[in-house]
Each structure stands twice: as C-alpha cells, then as structure tokens.
C-alpha cells in the first residue's frame, strides 16, 4: 500500500469503499429486496411470463445462469436461470435481467433483479 501511495496510486478500497465483493457463500438475507410492483413495467411482465413458462422473446431467456459473480446464494449448477428485461430504446438485450432459482422454472424458489448486468442483485418480493 505504501508503494502504491508513493507512486500516486489509490487502492480499490479507497476508490470504492462500498463495493461488495463476494468472498464466499452469500446468504439471501444479505441481499436487498425489491417489490414486484416497483420493478419496471417490463420486469413485472417478465415475472408473469416466468410463472407462465413463456413465451420468451430472446433465445437466451431461460438458459442456465452460472452465478460466476457469486453474488447470489451458492447453489448447484443449473439451479439458476436468467431472463431478459427489455430496456426501452435499447437495440440489444441491454443490462437488465431477472435470475430465478429453483427445480422447476415455472415455480422458482426465489427471483432476483439486476439492472447493471450482474454487478448487483435485489431479491424480488411480493
């Protein structure tokens, strides 16, 4: 740290003191929540589609989400699936997603919303 300071460099901790970095298993109690009613309209629609089993607009909707970021509670591979939340004006899939976990895609145990392409998640609650 002293070497970095002498070279005029700043540590990551100084630049982003509130940055959450997963170092191990994450508890769902530590994840902030968001009510379905406060999701963007496109997110509310996607939640309904998830419980209906589709139809989904994008080929990648419903594919396995690997949780490589380790921001969601640790589960076996294949537990989480991701879905695109359309962003108005965006020509690509954009950054908004809903990730749901559970044995059956139409009856997830929990769903999470990200509007920053997996950098953070909020648990979706009724």
Protein backbone atom coordinates (compact mmCIF):
# COMPACT_ATOMS: atom_id res chain seq x y z
CA UNK A 1 0.00 0.00 0.00
CA UNK A 2 2.84 2.39 0.85
CA UNK A 3 4.45 1.67 -2.52
CA UNK A 4 1.16 2.34 -4.30
CA UNK A 5 0.72 5.59 -2.38
CA UNK A 6 4.25 6.72 -3.17
CA UNK A 7 3.54 6.13 -6.85
CA UNK A 8 0.37 8.20 -6.61
CA UNK A 9 -1.86 5.16 -6.93
CA UNK A 10 -5.05 4.67 -4.94
CA UNK A 11 -6.24 1.35 -3.61
CA UNK A 12 -9.55 -0.14 -4.72
CA UNK A 13 -10.78 0.14 -1.13
CA UNK A 14 -10.19 3.90 -1.22
CA UNK A 15 -11.79 4.40 -4.63
CA UNK A 16 -14.89 2.29 -3.92
CA UNK A 17 -15.30 1.72 -0.17
CA UNK A 18 -18.88 0.41 -0.55
CA UNK A 19 -18.11 -2.09 -3.31
CA UNK A 20 -19.45 -5.53 -2.40
CA UNK A 21 -17.07 -8.33 -3.29
CA UNK A 22 -18.28 -11.87 -2.68
CA UNK A 23 -15.65 -13.86 -0.80
CA UNK A 24 -17.73 -16.91 -0.02
CA UNK A 25 -21.27 -18.17 0.20
CA UNK A 26 -23.86 -15.41 0.14
CA UNK A 27 -26.93 -15.51 2.36
CA UNK A 28 -30.19 -14.42 0.76
CA UNK A 29 -30.85 -12.35 3.90
CA UNK A 30 -27.91 -10.08 2.97
CA UNK A 31 -29.36 -9.22 -0.44
CA UNK A 32 -31.55 -6.12 -0.68
CA UNK A 33 -35.11 -6.65 -1.87
CA UNK A 34 -37.40 -5.04 -4.43
CA UNK A 35 -41.18 -5.43 -4.65
CA UNK A 36 -42.64 -6.76 -7.89
CA UNK A 37 -44.80 -3.62 -8.04
CA UNK A 38 -41.71 -1.38 -8.09
CA UNK A 39 -39.94 -3.25 -10.88
CA UNK A 40 -40.01 -1.51 -14.27
CA UNK A 41 -43.14 -2.47 -16.23
CA UNK A 42 -41.02 -4.73 -18.44
CA UNK A 43 -39.73 -6.54 -15.34
CA UNK A 44 -43.23 -7.03 -13.98
CA UNK A 45 -44.23 -8.52 -17.33
CA UNK A 46 -41.23 -10.84 -17.32
CA UNK A 47 -42.09 -12.11 -13.83
CA UNK A 48 -45.55 -13.05 -15.14
CA UNK A 49 -44.04 -14.78 -18.18
CA UNK A 50 -41.64 -16.76 -15.98
CA UNK A 51 -44.53 -18.17 -13.94
CA UNK A 52 -46.45 -18.93 -17.17
CA UNK A 53 -43.46 -20.65 -18.77
CA UNK A 54 -43.20 -18.12 -21.59
CA UNK A 55 -43.27 -17.40 -24.42
CA UNK A 56 -39.96 -15.58 -24.22
CA UNK A 57 -38.66 -13.12 -26.79
CA UNK A 58 -34.96 -13.97 -26.62
CA UNK A 59 -33.32 -17.34 -27.29
CA UNK A 60 -31.18 -16.90 -24.19
CA UNK A 61 -34.17 -16.43 -21.89
CA UNK A 62 -34.38 -19.42 -19.56
CA UNK A 63 -30.77 -20.53 -20.03
CA UNK A 64 -28.69 -21.57 -17.04
CA UNK A 65 -27.13 -18.69 -15.10
CA UNK A 66 -23.78 -19.77 -13.67
CA UNK A 67 -23.58 -17.28 -10.76
CA UNK A 68 -19.88 -16.76 -11.56
CA UNK A 69 -20.05 -13.41 -9.78
CA UNK A 70 -21.02 -15.32 -6.60
CA UNK A 71 -23.44 -12.59 -5.57
CA UNK A 72 -26.41 -14.96 -5.23
CA UNK A 73 -26.66 -17.76 -2.66
CA UNK A 74 -24.49 -20.72 -3.63
CA UNK A 75 -26.42 -23.49 -5.40
CA UNK A 76 -25.65 -26.40 -7.72
CA UNK A 77 -25.09 -25.61 -11.39
CA UNK A 78 -28.39 -25.47 -13.24
CA UNK A 79 -30.35 -24.09 -10.28
CA UNK A 80 -30.45 -20.51 -11.62
CA UNK A 81 -31.92 -19.37 -14.95
CA UNK A 82 -31.74 -15.90 -16.48
CA UNK A 83 -34.32 -13.84 -18.35
CA UNK A 84 -34.02 -10.55 -20.26
CA UNK A 85 -35.89 -7.49 -19.04
CA UNK A 86 -36.37 -5.28 -22.08
CA UNK A 87 -34.92 -1.79 -21.83
CA UNK A 88 -36.90 0.79 -23.86
CA UNK A 89 -34.76 2.25 -26.65
CA UNK A 90 -32.10 -0.46 -26.31
CA UNK A 91 -31.36 -2.40 -29.52
CA UNK A 92 -29.55 -5.23 -27.75
CA UNK A 93 -30.65 -7.29 -24.74
CA UNK A 94 -29.38 -4.49 -22.50
CA UNK A 95 -28.22 -4.86 -18.90
CA UNK A 96 -31.46 -5.69 -17.10
CA UNK A 97 -32.14 -9.31 -16.13
CA UNK A 98 -34.20 -11.42 -13.80
CA UNK A 99 -32.48 -14.52 -12.45
CA UNK A 100 -34.66 -17.19 -10.84
CA UNK A 101 -33.63 -20.26 -8.91
CA UNK A 102 -35.45 -23.48 -8.29
CA UNK A 103 -36.01 -27.01 -9.52
CA UNK A 104 -38.91 -26.04 -11.81
CA UNK A 105 -38.58 -22.89 -13.94
CA UNK A 106 -42.30 -22.05 -13.58
CA UNK A 107 -42.26 -22.30 -9.77
CA UNK A 108 -38.99 -20.67 -8.71
CA UNK A 109 -37.86 -20.65 -5.08
CA UNK A 110 -36.59 -17.08 -5.49
CA UNK A 111 -36.03 -14.49 -8.23
CA UNK A 112 -33.54 -11.63 -8.33
CA UNK A 113 -33.40 -8.44 -10.40
CA UNK A 114 -30.28 -6.78 -11.77
CA UNK A 115 -30.24 -3.55 -13.75
CA UNK A 116 -26.45 -3.42 -14.08
CA UNK A 117 -25.69 -6.72 -15.86
CA UNK A 118 -24.99 -8.88 -12.81
CA UNK A 119 -22.92 -6.34 -10.83
CA UNK A 120 -25.64 -6.31 -8.14
CA UNK A 121 -28.91 -8.09 -7.39
CA UNK A 122 -32.09 -7.39 -5.43
CA UNK A 123 -34.40 -10.20 -4.35
CA UNK A 124 -37.88 -9.85 -5.84
CA UNK A 125 -40.61 -9.99 -3.19
CA UNK A 126 -44.39 -9.67 -3.37
